[in-house]
N, C-alpha and C. Protein backbone atom coordinates (compact mmCIF):
# COMPACT_ATOMS: atom_id res chain seq x y z
N UNK A 1 21.01 -10.81 21.49
CA UNK A 1 21.83 -9.73 21.99
C UNK A 1 23.01 -9.47 21.06
N UNK A 2 23.53 -10.54 20.46
CA UNK A 2 24.65 -10.35 19.54
C UNK A 2 24.23 -9.52 18.34
N UNK A 3 23.08 -9.82 17.78
CA UNK A 3 22.60 -9.06 16.63
C UNK A 3 22.38 -7.60 17.00
N UNK A 4 21.85 -7.37 18.21
CA UNK A 4 21.57 -6.01 18.65
C UNK A 4 22.87 -5.24 18.85
N UNK A 5 23.90 -5.89 19.40
CA UNK A 5 25.17 -5.20 19.62
C UNK A 5 25.86 -4.89 18.30
N UNK A 6 25.55 -5.68 17.26
CA UNK A 6 26.12 -5.41 15.94
C UNK A 6 25.29 -4.39 15.16
N UNK A 7 24.12 -4.06 15.66
CA UNK A 7 23.27 -3.09 14.99
C UNK A 7 22.44 -3.67 13.86
N UNK A 8 22.29 -4.99 13.85
CA UNK A 8 21.52 -5.65 12.79
C UNK A 8 20.08 -5.82 13.26
N UNK A 9 19.25 -4.79 13.01
CA UNK A 9 17.87 -4.78 13.50
C UNK A 9 17.01 -5.86 12.87
N UNK A 10 17.21 -6.14 11.60
CA UNK A 10 16.40 -7.17 10.95
C UNK A 10 16.69 -8.54 11.53
N UNK A 11 17.94 -8.82 11.86
CA UNK A 11 18.29 -10.11 12.46
C UNK A 11 17.71 -10.21 13.87
N UNK A 12 17.68 -9.10 14.59
CA UNK A 12 17.06 -9.09 15.94
C UNK A 12 15.59 -9.45 15.82
N UNK A 13 14.90 -8.83 14.88
CA UNK A 13 13.48 -9.12 14.69
C UNK A 13 13.26 -10.57 14.27
N UNK A 14 14.13 -11.09 13.39
CA UNK A 14 14.00 -12.49 12.96
C UNK A 14 14.24 -13.44 14.14
N UNK A 15 15.22 -13.14 14.97
CA UNK A 15 15.51 -14.00 16.13
C UNK A 15 14.35 -13.99 17.12
N UNK A 16 13.75 -12.84 17.33
CA UNK A 16 12.61 -12.76 18.24
C UNK A 16 11.42 -13.54 17.67
N UNK A 17 11.23 -13.45 16.38
CA UNK A 17 10.13 -14.21 15.74
C UNK A 17 10.33 -15.70 15.91
N UNK A 18 11.56 -16.18 15.73
CA UNK A 18 11.85 -17.61 15.92
C UNK A 18 11.63 -18.01 17.37
N UNK A 19 12.05 -17.17 18.31
CA UNK A 19 11.87 -17.46 19.72
C UNK A 19 10.39 -17.52 20.10
N UNK A 20 9.59 -16.59 19.58
CA UNK A 20 8.16 -16.60 19.87
C UNK A 20 7.49 -17.84 19.28
N UNK A 21 7.90 -18.23 18.10
CA UNK A 21 7.34 -19.44 17.48
C UNK A 21 7.68 -20.67 18.31
N UNK A 22 8.92 -20.76 18.78
CA UNK A 22 9.32 -21.91 19.60
C UNK A 22 8.55 -21.92 20.93
N UNK A 23 8.33 -20.77 21.51
CA UNK A 23 7.57 -20.68 22.76
C UNK A 23 6.14 -21.15 22.55
N UNK A 24 5.54 -20.73 21.44
CA UNK A 24 4.16 -21.15 21.15
C UNK A 24 4.08 -22.65 20.97
N UNK A 25 5.02 -23.24 20.25
CA UNK A 25 5.02 -24.69 20.03
C UNK A 25 5.19 -25.43 21.35
N UNK A 26 6.10 -24.95 22.19
CA UNK A 26 6.32 -25.60 23.49
C UNK A 26 5.07 -25.53 24.36
N UNK A 27 4.45 -24.36 24.42
CA UNK A 27 3.25 -24.22 25.25
C UNK A 27 2.11 -25.10 24.73
N UNK A 28 1.98 -25.20 23.43
CA UNK A 28 0.94 -26.07 22.86
C UNK A 28 1.21 -27.53 23.20
N UNK A 29 2.44 -27.95 23.02
CA UNK A 29 2.78 -29.35 23.30
C UNK A 29 2.70 -29.66 24.79
N UNK A 30 2.96 -28.67 25.63
CA UNK A 30 2.98 -28.93 27.08
C UNK A 30 1.61 -29.33 27.63
N UNK A 31 0.55 -28.92 26.98
CA UNK A 31 -0.77 -29.33 27.47
C UNK A 31 -1.51 -30.24 26.51
N UNK A 32 -1.06 -30.33 25.25
CA UNK A 32 -1.84 -31.04 24.25
C UNK A 32 -1.13 -32.25 23.66
N UNK A 33 0.14 -32.43 23.92
CA UNK A 33 0.90 -33.48 23.26
C UNK A 33 0.73 -34.83 23.97
N UNK A 34 0.80 -35.89 23.19
CA UNK A 34 0.79 -37.25 23.74
C UNK A 34 2.20 -37.79 23.89
N UNK A 35 3.19 -36.96 23.62
CA UNK A 35 4.58 -37.35 23.75
C UNK A 35 4.90 -37.68 25.21
N UNK A 36 5.72 -38.70 25.41
CA UNK A 36 6.04 -39.16 26.77
C UNK A 36 6.68 -38.05 27.61
N UNK A 37 7.56 -37.28 27.02
CA UNK A 37 8.25 -36.22 27.76
C UNK A 37 7.24 -35.23 28.36
N UNK A 38 6.31 -34.77 27.56
CA UNK A 38 5.33 -33.78 28.04
C UNK A 38 4.33 -34.41 29.01
N UNK A 39 3.95 -35.66 28.77
CA UNK A 39 3.03 -36.35 29.69
C UNK A 39 3.67 -36.56 31.05
N UNK A 40 4.98 -36.85 31.07
CA UNK A 40 5.66 -37.09 32.35
C UNK A 40 5.93 -35.78 33.09
N UNK A 41 6.27 -34.73 32.34
CA UNK A 41 6.63 -33.46 32.97
C UNK A 41 5.41 -32.67 33.44
N UNK A 42 4.35 -32.67 32.65
CA UNK A 42 3.16 -31.87 32.96
C UNK A 42 1.99 -32.82 33.21
N UNK A 43 1.60 -32.91 34.47
CA UNK A 43 0.51 -33.80 34.86
C UNK A 43 -0.60 -32.99 35.50
N UNK A 44 -1.81 -33.47 35.35
CA UNK A 44 -3.01 -32.95 36.01
C UNK A 44 -3.11 -31.43 35.96
N UNK A 45 -2.92 -30.79 37.13
CA UNK A 45 -3.10 -29.34 37.22
C UNK A 45 -2.04 -28.57 36.44
N UNK A 46 -0.86 -29.17 36.30
CA UNK A 46 0.19 -28.50 35.51
C UNK A 46 -0.24 -28.36 34.05
N UNK A 47 -0.95 -29.35 33.56
CA UNK A 47 -1.44 -29.27 32.17
C UNK A 47 -2.46 -28.14 32.03
N UNK A 48 -3.29 -27.96 33.04
CA UNK A 48 -4.27 -26.86 33.01
C UNK A 48 -3.54 -25.52 33.07
N UNK A 49 -2.52 -25.42 33.92
CA UNK A 49 -1.72 -24.18 33.98
C UNK A 49 -1.05 -23.90 32.64
N UNK A 50 -0.53 -24.94 32.01
CA UNK A 50 0.12 -24.78 30.70
C UNK A 50 -0.90 -24.37 29.64
N UNK A 51 -2.10 -24.91 29.73
CA UNK A 51 -3.16 -24.49 28.81
C UNK A 51 -3.47 -23.01 28.98
N UNK A 52 -3.55 -22.56 30.24
CA UNK A 52 -3.83 -21.14 30.49
C UNK A 52 -2.68 -20.25 30.01
N UNK A 53 -1.45 -20.71 30.17
CA UNK A 53 -0.30 -19.96 29.63
C UNK A 53 -0.37 -19.88 28.12
N UNK A 54 -0.72 -21.03 27.49
CA UNK A 54 -0.83 -21.05 26.04
C UNK A 54 -1.96 -20.12 25.57
N UNK A 55 -3.08 -20.15 26.28
CA UNK A 55 -4.21 -19.29 25.94
C UNK A 55 -3.83 -17.82 26.06
N UNK A 56 -3.11 -17.47 27.11
CA UNK A 56 -2.64 -16.09 27.27
C UNK A 56 -1.68 -15.70 26.14
N UNK A 57 -0.77 -16.61 25.81
CA UNK A 57 0.17 -16.35 24.73
C UNK A 57 -0.57 -16.11 23.41
N UNK A 58 -1.56 -16.95 23.12
CA UNK A 58 -2.34 -16.81 21.89
C UNK A 58 -3.14 -15.52 21.86
N UNK A 59 -3.71 -15.14 23.01
CA UNK A 59 -4.47 -13.89 23.04
C UNK A 59 -3.55 -12.69 22.86
N UNK A 60 -2.36 -12.72 23.47
CA UNK A 60 -1.41 -11.64 23.25
C UNK A 60 -0.94 -11.60 21.80
N UNK A 61 -0.79 -12.76 21.21
CA UNK A 61 -0.41 -12.81 19.79
C UNK A 61 -1.51 -12.20 18.92
N UNK A 62 -2.76 -12.47 19.26
CA UNK A 62 -3.88 -11.90 18.51
C UNK A 62 -3.98 -10.39 18.70
N UNK A 63 -3.82 -9.93 19.94
CA UNK A 63 -4.03 -8.52 20.24
C UNK A 63 -2.90 -7.65 19.70
N UNK A 64 -1.65 -8.02 19.93
CA UNK A 64 -0.57 -7.13 19.53
C UNK A 64 0.67 -7.85 19.04
N UNK A 65 0.52 -9.11 18.64
CA UNK A 65 1.65 -9.84 18.08
C UNK A 65 2.78 -10.00 19.08
N UNK A 66 2.45 -10.18 20.36
CA UNK A 66 3.42 -10.31 21.44
C UNK A 66 4.40 -9.14 21.49
N UNK A 67 3.91 -7.97 21.17
CA UNK A 67 4.73 -6.78 21.26
C UNK A 67 5.61 -6.52 20.07
N UNK A 68 5.42 -7.28 19.00
CA UNK A 68 6.30 -7.16 17.84
C UNK A 68 5.61 -6.63 16.60
N UNK A 69 4.29 -6.57 16.58
CA UNK A 69 3.61 -6.22 15.33
C UNK A 69 2.54 -5.17 15.58
N UNK A 70 2.78 -4.00 15.03
CA UNK A 70 1.83 -2.90 15.19
C UNK A 70 0.57 -3.14 14.35
N UNK A 71 0.70 -3.90 13.24
CA UNK A 71 -0.48 -4.17 12.42
C UNK A 71 -1.50 -5.02 13.17
N UNK A 72 -1.04 -5.91 14.03
CA UNK A 72 -1.97 -6.71 14.84
C UNK A 72 -2.73 -5.81 15.82
N UNK A 73 -2.03 -4.84 16.41
CA UNK A 73 -2.69 -3.92 17.33
C UNK A 73 -3.71 -3.07 16.60
N UNK A 74 -3.37 -2.60 15.40
CA UNK A 74 -4.33 -1.82 14.61
C UNK A 74 -5.55 -2.66 14.23
N UNK A 75 -5.32 -3.93 13.90
CA UNK A 75 -6.43 -4.84 13.61
C UNK A 75 -7.30 -5.02 14.84
N UNK A 76 -6.69 -5.13 16.03
CA UNK A 76 -7.46 -5.28 17.27
C UNK A 76 -8.30 -4.04 17.54
N UNK A 77 -7.72 -2.86 17.32
CA UNK A 77 -8.49 -1.62 17.50
C UNK A 77 -9.66 -1.59 16.52
N UNK A 78 -9.43 -2.03 15.28
CA UNK A 78 -10.51 -2.09 14.30
C UNK A 78 -11.58 -3.09 14.75
N UNK A 79 -11.16 -4.21 15.32
CA UNK A 79 -12.09 -5.20 15.86
C UNK A 79 -12.95 -4.57 16.97
N UNK A 80 -12.31 -3.80 17.86
CA UNK A 80 -13.06 -3.09 18.89
C UNK A 80 -14.04 -2.09 18.27
N UNK A 81 -13.60 -1.42 17.23
CA UNK A 81 -14.43 -0.46 16.50
C UNK A 81 -15.69 -1.15 15.98
N UNK A 82 -15.54 -2.29 15.35
CA UNK A 82 -16.69 -3.03 14.81
C UNK A 82 -17.60 -3.50 15.94
N UNK A 83 -17.00 -3.99 17.03
CA UNK A 83 -17.80 -4.46 18.17
C UNK A 83 -18.61 -3.31 18.77
N UNK A 84 -17.97 -2.16 18.94
CA UNK A 84 -18.67 -1.00 19.47
C UNK A 84 -19.77 -0.53 18.52
N UNK A 85 -19.53 -0.65 17.22
CA UNK A 85 -20.55 -0.28 16.23
C UNK A 85 -21.79 -1.13 16.40
N UNK A 86 -21.59 -2.45 16.49
CA UNK A 86 -22.75 -3.34 16.64
C UNK A 86 -23.46 -3.12 17.97
N UNK A 87 -22.70 -2.86 19.03
CA UNK A 87 -23.34 -2.58 20.31
C UNK A 87 -24.21 -1.33 20.20
N UNK A 88 -23.67 -0.31 19.58
CA UNK A 88 -24.41 0.95 19.40
C UNK A 88 -25.68 0.72 18.59
N UNK A 89 -25.57 -0.01 17.50
CA UNK A 89 -26.73 -0.24 16.62
C UNK A 89 -27.81 -1.04 17.34
N UNK A 90 -27.41 -2.15 17.97
CA UNK A 90 -28.41 -3.02 18.57
C UNK A 90 -28.97 -2.48 19.89
N UNK A 91 -28.30 -1.50 20.48
CA UNK A 91 -28.79 -0.93 21.73
C UNK A 91 -29.55 0.36 21.54
N UNK A 92 -29.07 1.24 20.65
CA UNK A 92 -29.63 2.59 20.56
C UNK A 92 -30.19 2.96 19.19
N UNK A 93 -30.00 2.13 18.19
CA UNK A 93 -30.45 2.48 16.84
C UNK A 93 -31.33 1.36 16.29
N UNK A 94 -31.76 1.55 15.07
CA UNK A 94 -32.61 0.56 14.41
C UNK A 94 -31.75 -0.43 13.64
N UNK A 95 -31.70 -1.70 14.07
CA UNK A 95 -30.85 -2.69 13.40
C UNK A 95 -31.30 -3.04 11.98
N UNK A 96 -32.51 -2.66 11.62
CA UNK A 96 -33.01 -2.97 10.28
C UNK A 96 -32.43 -2.02 9.23
N UNK A 97 -32.18 -0.78 9.61
CA UNK A 97 -31.70 0.23 8.67
C UNK A 97 -30.19 0.14 8.49
N UNK A 98 -29.76 0.15 7.24
CA UNK A 98 -28.34 0.14 6.92
C UNK A 98 -27.67 1.45 7.34
N UNK A 99 -28.42 2.53 7.28
CA UNK A 99 -27.87 3.83 7.68
C UNK A 99 -27.51 3.86 9.16
N UNK A 100 -28.20 3.06 9.97
CA UNK A 100 -27.86 2.98 11.39
C UNK A 100 -26.45 2.42 11.58
N UNK A 101 -26.12 1.41 10.81
CA UNK A 101 -24.79 0.82 10.90
C UNK A 101 -23.73 1.82 10.47
N UNK A 102 -23.99 2.54 9.38
CA UNK A 102 -23.04 3.51 8.88
C UNK A 102 -22.85 4.66 9.88
N UNK A 103 -23.94 5.17 10.43
CA UNK A 103 -23.84 6.26 11.40
C UNK A 103 -23.07 5.81 12.65
N UNK A 104 -23.35 4.61 13.12
CA UNK A 104 -22.63 4.10 14.29
C UNK A 104 -21.16 3.87 13.96
N UNK A 105 -20.88 3.36 12.77
CA UNK A 105 -19.50 3.11 12.34
C UNK A 105 -18.70 4.41 12.29
N UNK A 106 -19.33 5.46 11.81
CA UNK A 106 -18.67 6.76 11.69
C UNK A 106 -18.48 7.41 13.07
N UNK A 107 -19.43 7.23 13.98
CA UNK A 107 -19.33 7.89 15.29
C UNK A 107 -18.46 7.12 16.28
N UNK A 108 -18.16 5.86 16.01
CA UNK A 108 -17.39 5.05 16.95
C UNK A 108 -15.98 5.58 17.21
N UNK A 109 -15.21 6.02 16.21
CA UNK A 109 -13.87 6.55 16.54
C UNK A 109 -13.93 7.75 17.48
N UNK A 110 -14.94 8.58 17.32
CA UNK A 110 -15.09 9.72 18.23
C UNK A 110 -15.34 9.22 19.66
N UNK A 111 -16.18 8.22 19.78
CA UNK A 111 -16.48 7.66 21.10
C UNK A 111 -15.23 7.01 21.69
N UNK A 112 -14.47 6.31 20.86
CA UNK A 112 -13.30 5.57 21.35
C UNK A 112 -12.14 6.51 21.70
N UNK A 113 -11.85 7.47 20.83
CA UNK A 113 -10.66 8.28 21.01
C UNK A 113 -10.88 9.60 21.75
N UNK A 114 -12.09 10.15 21.69
CA UNK A 114 -12.28 11.50 22.23
C UNK A 114 -13.16 11.50 23.46
N UNK A 115 -14.41 11.18 23.31
CA UNK A 115 -15.35 11.30 24.43
C UNK A 115 -16.41 10.22 24.32
N UNK A 116 -17.20 10.16 25.36
CA UNK A 116 -18.31 9.21 25.33
C UNK A 116 -19.60 9.99 25.50
N UNK A 117 -20.56 9.75 24.62
CA UNK A 117 -21.85 10.44 24.74
C UNK A 117 -22.59 10.03 26.01
N UNK A 118 -23.51 10.85 26.40
CA UNK A 118 -24.23 10.60 27.64
C UNK A 118 -25.25 9.47 27.53
N UNK A 119 -25.58 9.06 26.30
CA UNK A 119 -26.59 8.00 26.18
C UNK A 119 -26.03 6.61 26.49
N UNK A 120 -24.71 6.47 26.57
CA UNK A 120 -24.13 5.17 26.90
C UNK A 120 -24.08 5.01 28.42
N UNK A 121 -24.25 3.78 28.90
CA UNK A 121 -24.20 3.56 30.36
C UNK A 121 -22.77 3.73 30.89
N UNK A 122 -22.68 3.94 32.17
CA UNK A 122 -21.38 4.17 32.81
C UNK A 122 -20.42 3.00 32.63
N UNK A 123 -20.93 1.77 32.72
CA UNK A 123 -20.05 0.60 32.58
C UNK A 123 -19.44 0.55 31.19
N UNK A 124 -20.22 0.93 30.17
CA UNK A 124 -19.70 0.92 28.81
C UNK A 124 -18.65 2.01 28.63
N UNK A 125 -18.92 3.18 29.19
CA UNK A 125 -17.96 4.27 29.12
C UNK A 125 -16.66 3.89 29.81
N UNK A 126 -16.75 3.27 30.97
CA UNK A 126 -15.54 2.84 31.69
C UNK A 126 -14.78 1.79 30.89
N UNK A 127 -15.51 0.88 30.26
CA UNK A 127 -14.88 -0.16 29.44
C UNK A 127 -14.17 0.45 28.24
N UNK A 128 -14.77 1.44 27.61
CA UNK A 128 -14.15 2.11 26.46
C UNK A 128 -12.88 2.85 26.90
N UNK A 129 -12.94 3.54 28.02
CA UNK A 129 -11.77 4.25 28.52
C UNK A 129 -10.65 3.26 28.86
N UNK A 130 -10.99 2.15 29.50
CA UNK A 130 -9.99 1.14 29.83
C UNK A 130 -9.38 0.54 28.56
N UNK A 131 -10.20 0.25 27.56
CA UNK A 131 -9.69 -0.28 26.29
C UNK A 131 -8.79 0.73 25.60
N UNK A 132 -9.18 1.99 25.64
CA UNK A 132 -8.35 3.04 25.02
C UNK A 132 -6.99 3.13 25.71
N UNK A 133 -6.97 3.14 27.03
CA UNK A 133 -5.71 3.21 27.77
C UNK A 133 -4.86 1.96 27.54
N UNK A 134 -5.51 0.80 27.51
CA UNK A 134 -4.84 -0.46 27.27
C UNK A 134 -4.17 -0.46 25.89
N UNK A 135 -4.92 -0.07 24.87
CA UNK A 135 -4.37 -0.04 23.51
C UNK A 135 -3.27 1.00 23.37
N UNK A 136 -3.43 2.14 24.01
CA UNK A 136 -2.39 3.17 23.97
C UNK A 136 -1.11 2.67 24.65
N UNK A 137 -1.26 1.99 25.77
CA UNK A 137 -0.10 1.42 26.46
C UNK A 137 0.62 0.40 25.61
N UNK A 138 -0.14 -0.47 24.93
CA UNK A 138 0.48 -1.46 24.04
C UNK A 138 1.17 -0.78 22.87
N UNK A 139 0.55 0.26 22.32
CA UNK A 139 1.16 1.00 21.22
C UNK A 139 2.48 1.63 21.66
N UNK A 140 2.48 2.26 22.83
CA UNK A 140 3.71 2.88 23.32
C UNK A 140 4.78 1.83 23.58
N UNK A 141 4.40 0.67 24.06
CA UNK A 141 5.36 -0.40 24.28
C UNK A 141 6.01 -0.84 22.98
N UNK A 142 5.22 -0.98 21.94
CA UNK A 142 5.76 -1.36 20.63
C UNK A 142 6.71 -0.29 20.12
N UNK A 143 6.31 0.97 20.22
CA UNK A 143 7.15 2.07 19.73
C UNK A 143 8.47 2.11 20.51
N UNK A 144 8.40 1.97 21.82
CA UNK A 144 9.62 2.01 22.62
C UNK A 144 10.54 0.84 22.29
N UNK A 145 9.95 -0.35 22.09
CA UNK A 145 10.77 -1.50 21.70
C UNK A 145 11.48 -1.27 20.38
N UNK A 146 10.77 -0.70 19.43
CA UNK A 146 11.35 -0.45 18.10
C UNK A 146 12.47 0.58 18.17
N UNK A 147 12.25 1.66 18.90
CA UNK A 147 13.29 2.69 18.98
C UNK A 147 14.46 2.24 19.86
N UNK A 148 14.19 1.36 20.82
CA UNK A 148 15.23 0.88 21.71
C UNK A 148 16.25 0.02 20.96
N UNK A 149 15.83 -0.63 19.92
CA UNK A 149 16.71 -1.51 19.16
C UNK A 149 17.63 -0.76 18.20
N UNK A 150 17.40 0.52 18.06
CA UNK A 150 18.22 1.26 17.07
C UNK A 150 19.33 2.02 17.71
């Protein structure tokens, strides 16, 4: 908060990065460490809860860098793009032909951002719409955080 009140945006980002790193280390040690402190504080089901917290933290770090990195979100969208490409090829196209992969790769952004063709099942269409809304929400959160600090 001190850095933010002084208008030092780079220091704010550095402080948040240090805090996220410390949180990750604590969550990892809380379920995985043999240290006496963690063994005494987190027992049995608490260790499982800490593992689930750590797993959630790691997945958020992978998906959008815990709200701090837009490049991670773009990488996640690209990962979804590749996954949708392979689903399209192995479900509706010929997996032997290289052109099938290219055609599916080119059509996937249209499916993800604009519309869904009628040949996809309803569950897949709903999943794509949910992923699109989820990614857009994360993107807006990152943008708002960045503009809020200035």
